[in-house]
Amino acid sequence: MSQSLVKNLVHLVFSTKHRQPWIPKDHRKGLYAYQAGIFKQWESPALVIGGVEDHVHALFSLSKNHALKKIVEEVKTGSSKWMKNEGPRIPNFYWQRGYAAFSVSQSNAEAVKRYIENQEKHHRKMSFQDELRELLQRHGIECDERYVWE
């Protein structure tokens, strides 16, 4: 084959430091648009980005040219600067150090998109911690809760 053809869909989840409610509702669209721009710049277009006051979900197509770790680092670093300087101007804004990323089959992409689009409704019934536990369990990931909730 003379070219590389790749489609790796990733469901990414990351939270604010100590899950602080630092993402005001009236700035979420701006934040998600800014993050979408970073994903695009790194050849990893976002299909959907959503979340609530303390965390973000993104479904994106991972570039064949860049590592997942680098994409996440760029999105978090760039959007943290946006939150501090251009968005709601929260000087102490930080993202939590870690993240969770899950592979998504093309056949499940629409369901994941709907899930991300309905985060506000979803979190009326379930905490972020319970949501993440459920996602980890669903994807067969065992973890030490000390690292997840630090």
C-alpha atoms as a PDB file:
ATOM      1  CA  MET A   1       0.000   0.000   0.000  1.00  0.00           C
ATOM      2  CA  SER A   2       1.437   3.369  -0.954  1.00  0.00           C
ATOM      3  CA  GLN A   3      -0.401   5.401   1.701  1.00  0.00           C
ATOM      4  CA  SER A   4      -1.434   5.064   5.325  1.00  0.00           C
ATOM      5  CA  LEU A   5      -5.164   5.081   5.973  1.00  0.00           C
ATOM      6  CA  VAL A   6      -6.219   5.417   9.594  1.00  0.00           C
ATOM      7  CA  LYS A   7      -9.370   6.119  11.567  1.00  0.00           C
ATOM      8  CA  ASN A   8      -9.028   5.927  15.335  1.00  0.00           C
ATOM      9  CA  LEU A   9     -11.917   7.499  17.232  1.00  0.00           C
ATOM     10  CA  VAL A  10     -11.135   8.434  20.831  1.00  0.00           C
ATOM     11  CA  HIS A  11     -13.463   9.391  23.684  1.00  0.00           C
ATOM     12  CA  LEU A  12     -11.388  11.668  25.913  1.00  0.00           C
ATOM     13  CA  VAL A  13     -12.398  12.737  29.431  1.00  0.00           C
ATOM     14  CA  PHE A  14     -10.538  15.129  31.725  1.00  0.00           C
ATOM     15  CA  SER A  15     -11.459  17.296  34.688  1.00  0.00           C
ATOM     16  CA  THR A  16     -10.568  20.562  36.307  1.00  0.00           C
ATOM     17  CA  LYS A  17      -8.040  20.413  39.137  1.00  0.00           C
ATOM     18  CA  HIS A  18      -9.738  18.930  42.211  1.00  0.00           C
ATOM     19  CA  ARG A  19     -12.934  18.964  40.119  1.00  0.00           C
ATOM     20  CA  GLN A  20     -13.467  22.648  40.825  1.00  0.00           C
ATOM     21  CA  PRO A  21     -16.612  24.065  39.129  1.00  0.00           C
ATOM     22  CA  TRP A  22     -14.518  26.447  37.018  1.00  0.00           C
ATOM     23  CA  ILE A  23     -16.263  26.102  33.660  1.00  0.00           C
ATOM     24  CA  PRO A  24     -19.174  28.569  33.710  1.00  0.00           C
ATOM     25  CA  LYS A  25     -22.123  27.613  31.545  1.00  0.00           C
ATOM     26  CA  ASP A  26     -21.920  30.853  29.558  1.00  0.00           C
ATOM     27  CA  HIS A  27     -18.277  30.136  28.565  1.00  0.00           C
ATOM     28  CA  ARG A  28     -18.586  26.452  27.642  1.00  0.00           C
ATOM     29  CA  LYS A  29     -19.329  26.976  23.946  1.00  0.00           C
ATOM     30  CA  GLY A  30     -16.317  29.260  23.656  1.00  0.00           C
ATOM     31  CA  LEU A  31     -14.095  26.769  25.480  1.00  0.00           C
ATOM     32  CA  TYR A  32     -15.265  23.863  23.324  1.00  0.00           C
ATOM     33  CA  ALA A  33     -14.773  25.899  20.139  1.00  0.00           C
ATOM     34  CA  TYR A  34     -11.263  26.820  21.237  1.00  0.00           C
ATOM     35  CA  GLN A  35     -10.480  23.179  22.038  1.00  0.00           C
ATOM     36  CA  ALA A  36     -11.912  22.115  18.655  1.00  0.00           C
ATOM     37  CA  GLY A  37      -9.464  24.510  17.005  1.00  0.00           C
ATOM     38  CA  ILE A  38      -6.552  22.873  18.818  1.00  0.00           C
ATOM     39  CA  PHE A  39      -7.731  19.384  17.838  1.00  0.00           C
ATOM     40  CA  LYS A  40      -7.966  20.546  14.208  1.00  0.00           C
ATOM     41  CA  GLN A  41      -4.513  22.160  14.334  1.00  0.00           C
ATOM     42  CA  TRP A  42      -3.096  18.780  15.439  1.00  0.00           C
ATOM     43  CA  GLU A  43      -4.855  16.915  12.595  1.00  0.00           C
ATOM     44  CA  SER A  44      -7.258  15.286  15.072  1.00  0.00           C
ATOM     45  CA  PRO A  45     -10.660  16.820  14.344  1.00  0.00           C
ATOM     46  CA  ALA A  46     -13.252  16.777  17.108  1.00  0.00           C
ATOM     47  CA  LEU A  47     -16.632  15.295  16.269  1.00  0.00           C
ATOM     48  CA  VAL A  48     -18.169  16.703  19.456  1.00  0.00           C
ATOM     49  CA  ILE A  49     -17.006  18.334  22.693  1.00  0.00           C
ATOM     50  CA  GLY A  50     -19.182  18.758  25.763  1.00  0.00           C
ATOM     51  CA  GLY A  51     -19.227  18.666  29.514  1.00  0.00           C
ATOM     52  CA  VAL A  52     -20.288  20.443  32.653  1.00  0.00           C
ATOM     53  CA  GLU A  53     -18.725  22.785  35.209  1.00  0.00           C
ATOM     54  CA  ASP A  54     -15.914  20.445  36.262  1.00  0.00           C
ATOM     55  CA  HIS A  55     -14.988  18.246  33.291  1.00  0.00           C
ATOM     56  CA  VAL A  56     -14.906  17.873  29.525  1.00  0.00           C
ATOM     57  CA  HIS A  57     -15.629  15.005  27.138  1.00  0.00           C
ATOM     58  CA  ALA A  58     -14.408  15.012  23.540  1.00  0.00           C
ATOM     59  CA  LEU A  59     -14.892  12.536  20.728  1.00  0.00           C
ATOM     60  CA  PHE A  60     -12.196  13.042  18.111  1.00  0.00           C
ATOM     61  CA  SER A  61     -10.389  11.285  15.306  1.00  0.00           C
ATOM     62  CA  LEU A  62      -6.773  10.740  16.373  1.00  0.00           C
ATOM     63  CA  SER A  63      -4.194  11.813  13.805  1.00  0.00           C
ATOM     64  CA  LYS A  64      -1.949   9.157  12.309  1.00  0.00           C
ATOM     65  CA  ASN A  65       0.914  11.656  12.725  1.00  0.00           C
ATOM     66  CA  HIS A  66       0.695  12.529  16.434  1.00  0.00           C
ATOM     67  CA  ALA A  67       0.587  10.595  19.686  1.00  0.00           C
ATOM     68  CA  LEU A  68      -2.510  10.688  21.885  1.00  0.00           C
ATOM     69  CA  LYS A  69      -0.443  12.023  24.790  1.00  0.00           C
ATOM     70  CA  LYS A  70       0.715  14.999  22.704  1.00  0.00           C
ATOM     71  CA  ILE A  71      -2.800  15.838  21.482  1.00  0.00           C
ATOM     72  CA  VAL A  72      -4.176  15.756  25.049  1.00  0.00           C
ATOM     73  CA  GLU A  73      -1.276  17.856  26.321  1.00  0.00           C
ATOM     74  CA  GLU A  74      -1.833  20.505  23.637  1.00  0.00           C
ATOM     75  CA  VAL A  75      -5.607  20.657  24.169  1.00  0.00           C
ATOM     76  CA  LYS A  76      -5.278  20.943  27.945  1.00  0.00           C
ATOM     77  CA  THR A  77      -2.402  23.443  27.888  1.00  0.00           C
ATOM     78  CA  GLY A  78      -3.953  25.669  25.239  1.00  0.00           C
ATOM     79  CA  SER A  79      -7.431  25.652  26.733  1.00  0.00           C
ATOM     80  CA  SER A  80      -6.069  26.301  30.230  1.00  0.00           C
ATOM     81  CA  LYS A  81      -4.413  29.461  28.907  1.00  0.00           C
ATOM     82  CA  TRP A  82      -7.696  30.410  27.208  1.00  0.00           C
ATOM     83  CA  MET A  83      -9.620  29.974  30.480  1.00  0.00           C
ATOM     84  CA  LYS A  84      -7.085  32.173  32.306  1.00  0.00           C
ATOM     85  CA  ASN A  85      -6.641  34.938  29.733  1.00  0.00           C
ATOM     86  CA  GLU A  86      -9.408  35.056  27.129  1.00  0.00           C
ATOM     87  CA  GLY A  87     -12.462  33.161  28.387  1.00  0.00           C
ATOM     88  CA  PRO A  88     -13.839  33.655  31.878  1.00  0.00           C
ATOM     89  CA  ARG A  89     -10.405  34.894  33.071  1.00  0.00           C
ATOM     90  CA  ILE A  90      -9.972  32.506  36.005  1.00  0.00           C
ATOM     91  CA  PRO A  91      -6.338  33.063  37.064  1.00  0.00           C
ATOM     92  CA  ASN A  92      -6.122  29.878  39.142  1.00  0.00           C
ATOM     93  CA  PHE A  93      -7.632  27.626  36.453  1.00  0.00           C
ATOM     94  CA  TYR A  94      -5.915  24.282  35.927  1.00  0.00           C
ATOM     95  CA  TRP A  95      -6.844  20.934  34.462  1.00  0.00           C
ATOM     96  CA  GLN A  96      -6.290  17.791  36.517  1.00  0.00           C
ATOM     97  CA  ARG A  97      -2.997  16.133  35.608  1.00  0.00           C
ATOM     98  CA  GLY A  98      -4.417  12.897  34.170  1.00  0.00           C
ATOM     99  CA  TYR A  99      -7.076  11.942  31.671  1.00  0.00           C
ATOM    100  CA  ALA A 100      -9.055   8.932  30.476  1.00  0.00           C
ATOM    101  CA  ALA A 101      -9.188   7.958  26.815  1.00  0.00           C
ATOM    102  CA  PHE A 102     -11.209   5.149  25.278  1.00  0.00           C
ATOM    103  CA  SER A 103     -11.296   3.746  21.760  1.00  0.00           C
ATOM    104  CA  VAL A 104     -14.661   4.021  20.031  1.00  0.00           C
ATOM    105  CA  SER A 105     -15.773   1.860  17.121  1.00  0.00           C
ATOM    106  CA  GLN A 106     -17.362   3.601  14.154  1.00  0.00           C
ATOM    107  CA  SER A 107     -20.568   1.676  14.878  1.00  0.00           C
ATOM    108  CA  ASN A 108     -20.741   3.245  18.348  1.00  0.00           C
ATOM    109  CA  ALA A 109     -19.716   6.811  17.389  1.00  0.00           C
ATOM    110  CA  GLU A 110     -23.260   8.218  17.232  1.00  0.00           C
ATOM    111  CA  ALA A 111     -24.131   6.831  20.681  1.00  0.00           C
ATOM    112  CA  VAL A 112     -20.981   8.388  22.163  1.00  0.00           C
ATOM    113  CA  LYS A 113     -21.779  11.711  20.459  1.00  0.00           C
ATOM    114  CA  ARG A 114     -25.271  11.722  22.009  1.00  0.00           C
ATOM    115  CA  TYR A 115     -23.784  10.800  25.386  1.00  0.00           C
ATOM    116  CA  ILE A 116     -21.401  13.775  25.214  1.00  0.00           C
ATOM    117  CA  GLU A 117     -24.123  16.154  23.984  1.00  0.00           C
ATOM    118  CA  ASN A 118     -26.326  15.189  26.954  1.00  0.00           C
ATOM    119  CA  GLN A 119     -23.791  15.734  29.740  1.00  0.00           C
ATOM    120  CA  GLU A 120     -25.857  18.291  31.641  1.00  0.00           C
ATOM    121  CA  LYS A 121     -28.870  16.003  31.756  1.00  0.00           C
ATOM    122  CA  HIS A 122     -26.686  12.999  32.604  1.00  0.00           C
ATOM    123  CA  HIS A 123     -25.048  14.763  35.559  1.00  0.00           C
ATOM    124  CA  ARG A 124     -28.337  15.615  37.201  1.00  0.00           C
ATOM    125  CA  LYS A 125     -28.402  11.939  38.204  1.00  0.00           C
ATOM    126  CA  MET A 126     -24.746  10.891  38.390  1.00  0.00           C
ATOM    127  CA  SER A 127     -21.560  12.441  39.773  1.00  0.00           C
ATOM    128  CA  PHE A 128     -18.398  12.739  37.690  1.00  0.00           C
ATOM    129  CA  GLN A 129     -16.686  10.193  39.953  1.00  0.00           C
ATOM    130  CA  ASP A 130     -19.452   7.629  39.393  1.00  0.00           C
ATOM    131  CA  GLU A 131     -19.467   8.365  35.672  1.00  0.00           C
ATOM    132  CA  LEU A 132     -15.725   7.800  35.400  1.00  0.00           C
ATOM    133  CA  ARG A 133     -15.911   4.595  37.460  1.00  0.00           C
ATOM    134  CA  GLU A 134     -18.609   3.333  35.086  1.00  0.00           C
ATOM    135  CA  LEU A 135     -16.587   4.258  31.980  1.00  0.00           C
ATOM    136  CA  LEU A 136     -13.464   2.582  33.346  1.00  0.00           C
ATOM    137  CA  GLN A 137     -15.398  -0.545  34.238  1.00  0.00           C
ATOM    138  CA  ARG A 138     -17.137  -0.634  30.843  1.00  0.00           C
ATOM    139  CA  HIS A 139     -13.741  -0.495  29.129  1.00  0.00           C
ATOM    140  CA  GLY A 140     -12.119  -3.082  31.394  1.00  0.00           C
ATOM    141  CA  ILE A 141      -9.699  -0.672  33.052  1.00  0.00           C
ATOM    142  CA  GLU A 142      -8.721  -1.389  36.640  1.00  0.00           C
ATOM    143  CA  CYS A 143      -7.352   1.553  38.555  1.00  0.00           C
ATOM    144  CA  ASP A 144      -6.281   2.568  42.000  1.00  0.00           C
ATOM    145  CA  GLU A 145      -8.862   5.118  43.133  1.00  0.00           C
ATOM    146  CA  ARG A 146      -6.150   7.136  44.908  1.00  0.00           C
ATOM    147  CA  TYR A 147      -4.873   8.201  41.492  1.00  0.00           C
ATOM    148  CA  VAL A 148      -8.255   8.855  39.947  1.00  0.00           C
ATOM    149  CA  TRP A 149      -9.530  11.170  42.691  1.00  0.00           C
ATOM    150  CA  GLU A 150      -6.392  13.043  43.797  1.00  0.00           C
END
